[in-house]
Amino acid sequence: MSAVHTAESSIAIKWYYRPFWVLVLCFVVLGPLGLPYLWRSPRFSRGAKILLSGCVIVYTGLIVVETVRLVHEVRDEMRALQIDLD
């Protein structure tokens, strides 16, 4: 029995289209700017691309909300410290 080889499997894909690196780019380095790498990667199914896109968007939203909350908290602490110094 011979194995079926497709043109896609015989061509080496670039490192930034490999699943591990796509996930690193989306969740650690680029956030939603990494989504084009996800959608151009031949290693993910359409359903996985949709699910991961949603996860990246939610993850980015949570990071933005937490950053805004942290900035407000630090600002309030700085105001309280300034009042204590007066």
PDB file of N, CA and C in Angstrom:
ATOM      1  N   MET A   1       0.835  -1.175   0.000  1.00  0.00           N
ATOM      2  CA  MET A   1       0.000   0.000   0.000  1.00  0.00           C
ATOM      3  C   MET A   1       0.884   1.243   0.000  1.00  0.00           C
ATOM      4  N   SER A   2       0.607   2.167  -0.843  1.00  0.00           N
ATOM      5  CA  SER A   2       1.407   3.386  -0.888  1.00  0.00           C
ATOM      6  C   SER A   2       0.681   4.511  -0.161  1.00  0.00           C
ATOM      7  N   ALA A   3       1.448   5.352   0.436  1.00  0.00           N
ATOM      8  CA  ALA A   3       0.875   6.488   1.159  1.00  0.00           C
ATOM      9  C   ALA A   3       0.487   7.570   0.169  1.00  0.00           C
ATOM     10  N   VAL A   4      -0.577   8.249   0.483  1.00  0.00           N
ATOM     11  CA  VAL A   4      -1.036   9.339  -0.366  1.00  0.00           C
ATOM     12  C   VAL A   4      -0.311  10.608   0.055  1.00  0.00           C
ATOM     13  N   HIS A   5       0.343  11.235  -0.883  1.00  0.00           N
ATOM     14  CA  HIS A   5       1.048  12.480  -0.608  1.00  0.00           C
ATOM     15  C   HIS A   5       0.359  13.601  -1.366  1.00  0.00           C
ATOM     16  N   THR A   6       0.020  14.630  -0.653  1.00  0.00           N
ATOM     17  CA  THR A   6      -0.557  15.793  -1.310  1.00  0.00           C
ATOM     18  C   THR A   6       0.527  16.829  -1.497  1.00  0.00           C
ATOM     19  N   ALA A   7       0.259  17.777  -2.351  1.00  0.00           N
ATOM     20  CA  ALA A   7       1.232  18.848  -2.587  1.00  0.00           C
ATOM     21  C   ALA A   7       1.439  19.652  -1.309  1.00  0.00           C
ATOM     22  N   GLU A   8       0.367  19.764  -0.516  1.00  0.00           N
ATOM     23  CA  GLU A   8       0.449  20.548   0.719  1.00  0.00           C
ATOM     24  C   GLU A   8       1.359  19.886   1.744  1.00  0.00           C
ATOM     25  N   SER A   9       1.300  18.561   1.859  1.00  0.00           N
ATOM     26  CA  SER A   9       2.100  17.890   2.872  1.00  0.00           C
ATOM     27  C   SER A   9       3.557  17.754   2.463  1.00  0.00           C
ATOM     28  N   SER A  10       3.833  17.770   1.165  1.00  0.00           N
ATOM     29  CA  SER A  10       5.221  17.612   0.727  1.00  0.00           C
ATOM     30  C   SER A  10       5.997  18.926   0.755  1.00  0.00           C
ATOM     31  N   ILE A  11       5.293  20.033   0.797  1.00  0.00           N
ATOM     32  CA  ILE A  11       5.957  21.333   0.848  1.00  0.00           C
ATOM     33  C   ILE A  11       6.119  21.738   2.311  1.00  0.00           C
ATOM     34  N   ALA A  12       7.330  22.092   2.684  1.00  0.00           N
ATOM     35  CA  ALA A  12       7.565  22.537   4.053  1.00  0.00           C
ATOM     36  C   ALA A  12       6.966  23.929   4.238  1.00  0.00           C
ATOM     37  N   ILE A  13       6.196  24.072   5.301  1.00  0.00           N
ATOM     38  CA  ILE A  13       5.606  25.385   5.552  1.00  0.00           C
ATOM     39  C   ILE A  13       6.572  26.217   6.379  1.00  0.00           C
ATOM     40  N   LYS A  14       6.433  27.509   6.254  1.00  0.00           N
ATOM     41  CA  LYS A  14       7.317  28.429   6.977  1.00  0.00           C
ATOM     42  C   LYS A  14       7.010  28.362   8.472  1.00  0.00           C
ATOM     43  N   TRP A  15       7.996  28.717   9.281  1.00  0.00           N
ATOM     44  CA  TRP A  15       7.876  28.570  10.732  1.00  0.00           C
ATOM     45  C   TRP A  15       6.692  29.333  11.292  1.00  0.00           C
ATOM     46  N   TYR A  16       6.361  30.486  10.722  1.00  0.00           N
ATOM     47  CA  TYR A  16       5.296  31.301  11.292  1.00  0.00           C
ATOM     48  C   TYR A  16       3.906  30.816  10.900  1.00  0.00           C
ATOM     49  N   TYR A  17       3.803  29.743  10.128  1.00  0.00           N
ATOM     50  CA  TYR A  17       2.518  29.110   9.844  1.00  0.00           C
ATOM     51  C   TYR A  17       2.352  27.781  10.587  1.00  0.00           C
ATOM     52  N   ARG A  18       3.355  27.362  11.338  1.00  0.00           N
ATOM     53  CA  ARG A  18       3.255  26.131  12.117  1.00  0.00           C
ATOM     54  C   ARG A  18       2.395  26.394  13.349  1.00  0.00           C
ATOM     55  N   PRO A  19       1.584  25.414  13.740  1.00  0.00           N
ATOM     56  CA  PRO A  19       0.610  25.634  14.823  1.00  0.00           C
ATOM     57  C   PRO A  19       1.190  26.193  16.115  1.00  0.00           C
ATOM     58  N   PHE A  20       2.302  25.654  16.593  1.00  0.00           N
ATOM     59  CA  PHE A  20       2.877  26.152  17.849  1.00  0.00           C
ATOM     60  C   PHE A  20       3.217  27.635  17.741  1.00  0.00           C
ATOM     61  N   TRP A  21       3.873  28.022  16.661  1.00  0.00           N
ATOM     62  CA  TRP A  21       4.299  29.408  16.512  1.00  0.00           C
ATOM     63  C   TRP A  21       3.138  30.345  16.232  1.00  0.00           C
ATOM     64  N   VAL A  22       2.117  29.856  15.546  1.00  0.00           N
ATOM     65  CA  VAL A  22       0.921  30.676  15.336  1.00  0.00           C
ATOM     66  C   VAL A  22       0.279  30.998  16.681  1.00  0.00           C
ATOM     67  N   LEU A  23       0.189  29.997  17.553  1.00  0.00           N
ATOM     68  CA  LEU A  23      -0.401  30.234  18.872  1.00  0.00           C
ATOM     69  C   LEU A  23       0.465  31.165  19.717  1.00  0.00           C
ATOM     70  N   VAL A  24       1.776  31.023  19.631  1.00  0.00           N
ATOM     71  CA  VAL A  24       2.680  31.936  20.351  1.00  0.00           C
ATOM     72  C   VAL A  24       2.486  33.361  19.836  1.00  0.00           C
ATOM     73  N   LEU A  25       2.425  33.516  18.527  1.00  0.00           N
ATOM     74  CA  LEU A  25       2.246  34.850  17.955  1.00  0.00           C
ATOM     75  C   LEU A  25       0.915  35.464  18.386  1.00  0.00           C
ATOM     76  N   CYS A  26      -0.143  34.666  18.395  1.00  0.00           N
ATOM     77  CA  CYS A  26      -1.469  35.199  18.726  1.00  0.00           C
ATOM     78  C   CYS A  26      -1.663  35.481  20.218  1.00  0.00           C
ATOM     79  N   PHE A  27      -1.134  34.621  21.069  1.00  0.00           N
ATOM     80  CA  PHE A  27      -1.425  34.754  22.498  1.00  0.00           C
ATOM     81  C   PHE A  27      -0.320  35.426  23.306  1.00  0.00           C
ATOM     82  N   VAL A  28       0.887  35.538  22.753  1.00  0.00           N
ATOM     83  CA  VAL A  28       1.990  36.102  23.532  1.00  0.00           C
ATOM     84  C   VAL A  28       2.561  37.360  22.893  1.00  0.00           C
ATOM     85  N   VAL A  29       2.748  37.347  21.585  1.00  0.00           N
ATOM     86  CA  VAL A  29       3.501  38.421  20.942  1.00  0.00           C
ATOM     87  C   VAL A  29       2.596  39.470  20.294  1.00  0.00           C
ATOM     88  N   LEU A  30       1.736  39.075  19.381  1.00  0.00           N
ATOM     89  CA  LEU A  30       1.015  40.036  18.553  1.00  0.00           C
ATOM     90  C   LEU A  30      -0.450  40.245  18.924  1.00  0.00           C
ATOM     91  N   GLY A  31      -1.022  39.329  19.641  1.00  0.00           N
ATOM     92  CA  GLY A  31      -2.451  39.428  19.944  1.00  0.00           C
ATOM     93  C   GLY A  31      -3.272  39.309  18.678  1.00  0.00           C
ATOM     94  N   PRO A  32      -4.271  40.168  18.502  1.00  0.00           N
ATOM     95  CA  PRO A  32      -5.133  40.061  17.324  1.00  0.00           C
ATOM     96  C   PRO A  32      -4.406  40.370  16.011  1.00  0.00           C
ATOM     97  N   LEU A  33      -3.244  40.997  16.088  1.00  0.00           N
ATOM     98  CA  LEU A  33      -2.481  41.238  14.863  1.00  0.00           C
ATOM     99  C   LEU A  33      -1.882  39.945  14.304  1.00  0.00           C
ATOM    100  N   GLY A  34      -1.906  38.880  15.086  1.00  0.00           N
ATOM    101  CA  GLY A  34      -1.424  37.584  14.633  1.00  0.00           C
ATOM    102  C   GLY A  34      -2.495  36.755  13.929  1.00  0.00           C
ATOM    103  N   LEU A  35      -3.728  37.240  13.886  1.00  0.00           N
ATOM    104  CA  LEU A  35      -4.805  36.488  13.253  1.00  0.00           C
ATOM    105  C   LEU A  35      -4.572  36.198  11.767  1.00  0.00           C
ATOM    106  N   PRO A  36      -3.961  37.082  11.004  1.00  0.00           N
ATOM    107  CA  PRO A  36      -3.681  36.709   9.600  1.00  0.00           C
ATOM    108  C   PRO A  36      -2.782  35.483   9.481  1.00  0.00           C
ATOM    109  N   TYR A  37      -1.853  35.305  10.415  1.00  0.00           N
ATOM    110  CA  TYR A  37      -1.012  34.107  10.398  1.00  0.00           C
ATOM    111  C   TYR A  37      -1.849  32.866  10.687  1.00  0.00           C
ATOM    112  N   LEU A  38      -2.802  32.993  11.585  1.00  0.00           N
ATOM    113  CA  LEU A  38      -3.696  31.883  11.882  1.00  0.00           C
ATOM    114  C   LEU A  38      -4.516  31.507  10.658  1.00  0.00           C
ATOM    115  N   TRP A  39      -5.088  32.503  10.001  1.00  0.00           N
ATOM    116  CA  TRP A  39      -5.980  32.223   8.870  1.00  0.00           C
ATOM    117  C   TRP A  39      -5.227  31.761   7.624  1.00  0.00           C
ATOM    118  N   ARG A  40      -3.957  32.092   7.509  1.00  0.00           N
ATOM    119  CA  ARG A  40      -3.176  31.630   6.355  1.00  0.00           C
ATOM    120  C   ARG A  40      -2.496  30.298   6.601  1.00  0.00           C
ATOM    121  N   SER A  41      -2.502  29.836   7.827  1.00  0.00           N
ATOM    122  CA  SER A  41      -1.851  28.567   8.150  1.00  0.00           C
ATOM    123  C   SER A  41      -2.669  27.400   7.590  1.00  0.00           C
ATOM    124  N   PRO A  42      -2.027  26.511   6.837  1.00  0.00           N
ATOM    125  CA  PRO A  42      -2.761  25.370   6.287  1.00  0.00           C
ATOM    126  C   PRO A  42      -2.985  24.253   7.305  1.00  0.00           C
ATOM    127  N   ARG A  43      -2.412  24.349   8.471  1.00  0.00           N
ATOM    128  CA  ARG A  43      -2.478  23.277   9.462  1.00  0.00           C
ATOM    129  C   ARG A  43      -3.722  23.331  10.352  1.00  0.00           C
ATOM    130  N   PHE A  44      -4.489  24.413  10.306  1.00  0.00           N
ATOM    131  CA  PHE A  44      -5.697  24.533  11.114  1.00  0.00           C
ATOM    132  C   PHE A  44      -6.928  24.359  10.233  1.00  0.00           C
ATOM    133  N   SER A  45      -7.935  23.668  10.760  1.00  0.00           N
ATOM    134  CA  SER A  45      -9.197  23.549  10.035  1.00  0.00           C
ATOM    135  C   SER A  45      -9.972  24.865  10.157  1.00  0.00           C
ATOM    136  N   ARG A  46     -10.988  25.005   9.342  1.00  0.00           N
ATOM    137  CA  ARG A  46     -11.788  26.227   9.374  1.00  0.00           C
ATOM    138  C   ARG A  46     -12.443  26.414  10.742  1.00  0.00           C
ATOM    139  N   GLY A  47     -12.950  25.340  11.313  1.00  0.00           N
ATOM    140  CA  GLY A  47     -13.561  25.420  12.636  1.00  0.00           C
ATOM    141  C   GLY A  47     -12.565  25.826  13.712  1.00  0.00           C
ATOM    142  N   ALA A  48     -11.361  25.282  13.631  1.00  0.00           N
ATOM    143  CA  ALA A  48     -10.323  25.641  14.606  1.00  0.00           C
ATOM    144  C   ALA A  48      -9.934  27.108  14.447  1.00  0.00           C
ATOM    145  N   LYS A  49      -9.888  27.584  13.222  1.00  0.00           N
ATOM    146  CA  LYS A  49      -9.545  28.991  12.985  1.00  0.00           C
ATOM    147  C   LYS A  49     -10.600  29.909  13.585  1.00  0.00           C
ATOM    148  N   ILE A  50     -11.862  29.554  13.431  1.00  0.00           N
ATOM    149  CA  ILE A  50     -12.951  30.371  13.985  1.00  0.00           C
ATOM    150  C   ILE A  50     -12.881  30.351  15.513  1.00  0.00           C
ATOM    151  N   LEU A  51     -12.713  29.161  16.098  1.00  0.00           N
ATOM    152  CA  LEU A  51     -12.634  29.038  17.557  1.00  0.00           C
ATOM    153  C   LEU A  51     -11.433  29.793  18.120  1.00  0.00           C
ATOM    154  N   LEU A  52     -10.277  29.624  17.515  1.00  0.00           N
ATOM    155  CA  LEU A  52      -9.074  30.305  18.003  1.00  0.00           C
ATOM    156  C   LEU A  52      -9.174  31.823  17.808  1.00  0.00           C
ATOM    157  N   SER A  53      -9.797  32.262  16.735  1.00  0.00           N
ATOM    158  CA  SER A  53      -9.982  33.705  16.531  1.00  0.00           C
ATOM    159  C   SER A  53     -10.830  34.292  17.658  1.00  0.00           C
ATOM    160  N   GLY A  54     -11.894  33.598  18.010  1.00  0.00           N
ATOM    161  CA  GLY A  54     -12.729  34.046  19.125  1.00  0.00           C
ATOM    162  C   GLY A  54     -11.958  34.080  20.432  1.00  0.00           C
ATOM    163  N   CYS A  55     -11.145  33.049  20.662  1.00  0.00           N
ATOM    164  CA  CYS A  55     -10.335  33.009  21.886  1.00  0.00           C
ATOM    165  C   CYS A  55      -9.333  34.156  21.932  1.00  0.00           C
ATOM    166  N   VAL A  56      -8.703  34.457  20.813  1.00  0.00           N
ATOM    167  CA  VAL A  56      -7.730  35.556  20.766  1.00  0.00           C
ATOM    168  C   VAL A  56      -8.423  36.887  21.039  1.00  0.00           C
ATOM    169  N   ILE A  57      -9.595  37.077  20.476  1.00  0.00           N
ATOM    170  CA  ILE A  57     -10.325  38.341  20.675  1.00  0.00           C
ATOM    171  C   ILE A  57     -10.758  38.481  22.132  1.00  0.00           C
ATOM    172  N   VAL A  58     -11.275  37.414  22.728  1.00  0.00           N
ATOM    173  CA  VAL A  58     -11.687  37.459  24.140  1.00  0.00           C
ATOM    174  C   VAL A  58     -10.481  37.682  25.037  1.00  0.00           C
ATOM    175  N   TYR A  59      -9.395  36.962  24.771  1.00  0.00           N
ATOM    176  CA  TYR A  59      -8.158  37.097  25.545  1.00  0.00           C
ATOM    177  C   TYR A  59      -7.623  38.529  25.488  1.00  0.00           C
ATOM    178  N   THR A  60      -7.631  39.109  24.296  1.00  0.00           N
ATOM    179  CA  THR A  60      -7.169  40.488  24.134  1.00  0.00           C
ATOM    180  C   THR A  60      -8.080  41.456  24.883  1.00  0.00           C
ATOM    181  N   GLY A  61      -9.384  41.223  24.814  1.00  0.00           N
ATOM    182  CA  GLY A  61     -10.325  42.065  25.544  1.00  0.00           C
ATOM    183  C   GLY A  61     -10.096  42.014  27.043  1.00  0.00           C
ATOM    184  N   LEU A  62      -9.852  40.817  27.564  1.00  0.00           N
ATOM    185  CA  LEU A  62      -9.577  40.677  29.000  1.00  0.00           C
ATOM    186  C   LEU A  62      -8.293  41.399  29.398  1.00  0.00           C
ATOM    187  N   ILE A  63      -7.286  41.320  28.565  1.00  0.00           N
ATOM    188  CA  ILE A  63      -6.032  42.022  28.860  1.00  0.00           C
ATOM    189  C   ILE A  63      -6.253  43.533  28.861  1.00  0.00           C
ATOM    190  N   VAL A  64      -7.026  44.034  27.922  1.00  0.00           N
ATOM    191  CA  VAL A  64      -7.300  45.478  27.865  1.00  0.00           C
ATOM    192  C   VAL A  64      -8.081  45.919  29.102  1.00  0.00           C
ATOM    193  N   VAL A  65      -9.119  45.165  29.465  1.00  0.00           N
ATOM    194  CA  VAL A  65      -9.927  45.511  30.638  1.00  0.00           C
ATOM    195  C   VAL A  65      -9.073  45.492  31.903  1.00  0.00           C
ATOM    196  N   GLU A  66      -8.243  44.477  32.073  1.00  0.00           N
ATOM    197  CA  GLU A  66      -7.387  44.398  33.257  1.00  0.00           C
ATOM    198  C   GLU A  66      -6.342  45.507  33.281  1.00  0.00           C
ATOM    199  N   THR A  67      -5.826  45.880  32.124  1.00  0.00           N
ATOM    200  CA  THR A  67      -4.849  46.973  32.064  1.00  0.00           C
ATOM    201  C   THR A  67      -5.493  48.289  32.475  1.00  0.00           C
ATOM    202  N   VAL A  68      -6.694  48.551  31.984  1.00  0.00           N
ATOM    203  CA  VAL A  68      -7.411  49.782  32.354  1.00  0.00           C
ATOM    204  C   VAL A  68      -7.702  49.779  33.848  1.00  0.00           C
ATOM    205  N   ARG A  69      -8.144  48.636  34.383  1.00  0.00           N
ATOM    206  CA  ARG A  69      -8.424  48.544  35.821  1.00  0.00           C
ATOM    207  C   ARG A  69      -7.163  48.801  36.641  1.00  0.00           C
ATOM    208  N   LEU A  70      -6.056  48.233  36.207  1.00  0.00           N
ATOM    209  CA  LEU A  70      -4.790  48.411  36.916  1.00  0.00           C
ATOM    210  C   LEU A  70      -4.324  49.866  36.887  1.00  0.00           C
ATOM    211  N   VAL A  71      -4.485  50.521  35.751  1.00  0.00           N
ATOM    212  CA  VAL A  71      -4.098  51.927  35.644  1.00  0.00           C
ATOM    213  C   VAL A  71      -4.938  52.779  36.585  1.00  0.00           C
ATOM    214  N   HIS A  72      -6.239  52.513  36.649  1.00  0.00           N
ATOM    215  CA  HIS A  72      -7.101  53.263  37.568  1.00  0.00           C
ATOM    216  C   HIS A  72      -6.710  53.012  39.028  1.00  0.00           C
ATOM    217  N   GLU A  73      -6.398  51.779  39.339  1.00  0.00           N
ATOM    218  CA  GLU A  73      -6.000  51.446  40.704  1.00  0.00           C
ATOM    219  C   GLU A  73      -4.691  52.133  41.093  1.00  0.00           C
ATOM    220  N   VAL A  74      -3.734  52.128  40.199  1.00  0.00           N
ATOM    221  CA  VAL A  74      -2.456  52.797  40.469  1.00  0.00           C
ATOM    222  C   VAL A  74      -2.664  54.300  40.613  1.00  0.00           C
ATOM    223  N   ARG A  75      -3.506  54.875  39.763  1.00  0.00           N
ATOM    224  CA  ARG A  75      -3.793  56.308  39.854  1.00  0.00           C
ATOM    225  C   ARG A  75      -4.435  56.653  41.196  1.00  0.00           C
ATOM    226  N   ASP A  76      -5.379  55.834  41.633  1.00  0.00           N
ATOM    227  CA  ASP A  76      -6.018  56.070  42.928  1.00  0.00           C
ATOM    228  C   ASP A  76      -5.013  55.948  44.072  1.00  0.00           C
ATOM    229  N   GLU A  77      -4.125  54.981  43.993  1.00  0.00           N
ATOM    230  CA  GLU A  77      -3.093  54.823  45.022  1.00  0.00           C
ATOM    231  C   GLU A  77      -2.141  56.018  45.042  1.00  0.00           C
ATOM    232  N   MET A  78      -1.803  56.520  43.874  1.00  0.00           N
ATOM    233  CA  MET A  78      -0.917  57.694  43.810  1.00  0.00           C
ATOM    234  C   MET A  78      -1.597  58.928  44.391  1.00  0.00           C
ATOM    235  N   ARG A  79      -2.889  59.081  44.131  1.00  0.00           N
ATOM    236  CA  ARG A  79      -3.625  60.203  44.725  1.00  0.00           C
ATOM    237  C   ARG A  79      -3.675  60.073  46.246  1.00  0.00           C
ATOM    238  N   ALA A  80      -3.902  58.866  46.726  1.00  0.00           N
ATOM    239  CA  ALA A  80      -3.959  58.647  48.170  1.00  0.00           C
ATOM    240  C   ALA A  80      -2.599  58.927  48.802  1.00  0.00           C
ATOM    241  N   LEU A  81      -1.552  58.549  48.131  1.00  0.00           N
ATOM    242  CA  LEU A  81      -0.207  58.797  48.635  1.00  0.00           C
ATOM    243  C   LEU A  81       0.078  60.298  48.648  1.00  0.00           C
ATOM    244  N   GLN A  82      -0.371  61.010  47.636  1.00  0.00           N
ATOM    245  CA  GLN A  82      -0.140  62.444  47.567  1.00  0.00           C
ATOM    246  C   GLN A  82      -0.900  63.162  48.691  1.00  0.00           C
ATOM    247  N   ILE A  83      -2.094  62.698  49.005  1.00  0.00           N
ATOM    248  CA  ILE A  83      -2.872  63.291  50.091  1.00  0.00           C
ATOM    249  C   ILE A  83      -2.149  63.041  51.421  1.00  0.00           C
ATOM    250  N   ASP A  84      -1.590  61.847  51.609  1.00  0.00           N
ATOM    251  CA  ASP A  84      -0.879  61.530  52.841  1.00  0.00           C
ATOM    252  C   ASP A  84       0.370  62.395  53.006  1.00  0.00           C
ATOM    253  N   LEU A  85       0.978  62.797  51.926  1.00  0.00           N
ATOM    254  CA  LEU A  85       2.194  63.591  51.994  1.00  0.00           C
ATOM    255  C   LEU A  85       1.911  65.060  52.314  1.00  0.00           C
ATOM    256  N   ASP A  86       0.713  65.532  52.005  1.00  0.00           N
ATOM    257  CA  ASP A  86       0.377  66.946  52.257  1.00  0.00           C
ATOM    258  C   ASP A  86       0.099  67.226  53.687  1.00  0.00           C
TER     259      ASP A  86
END
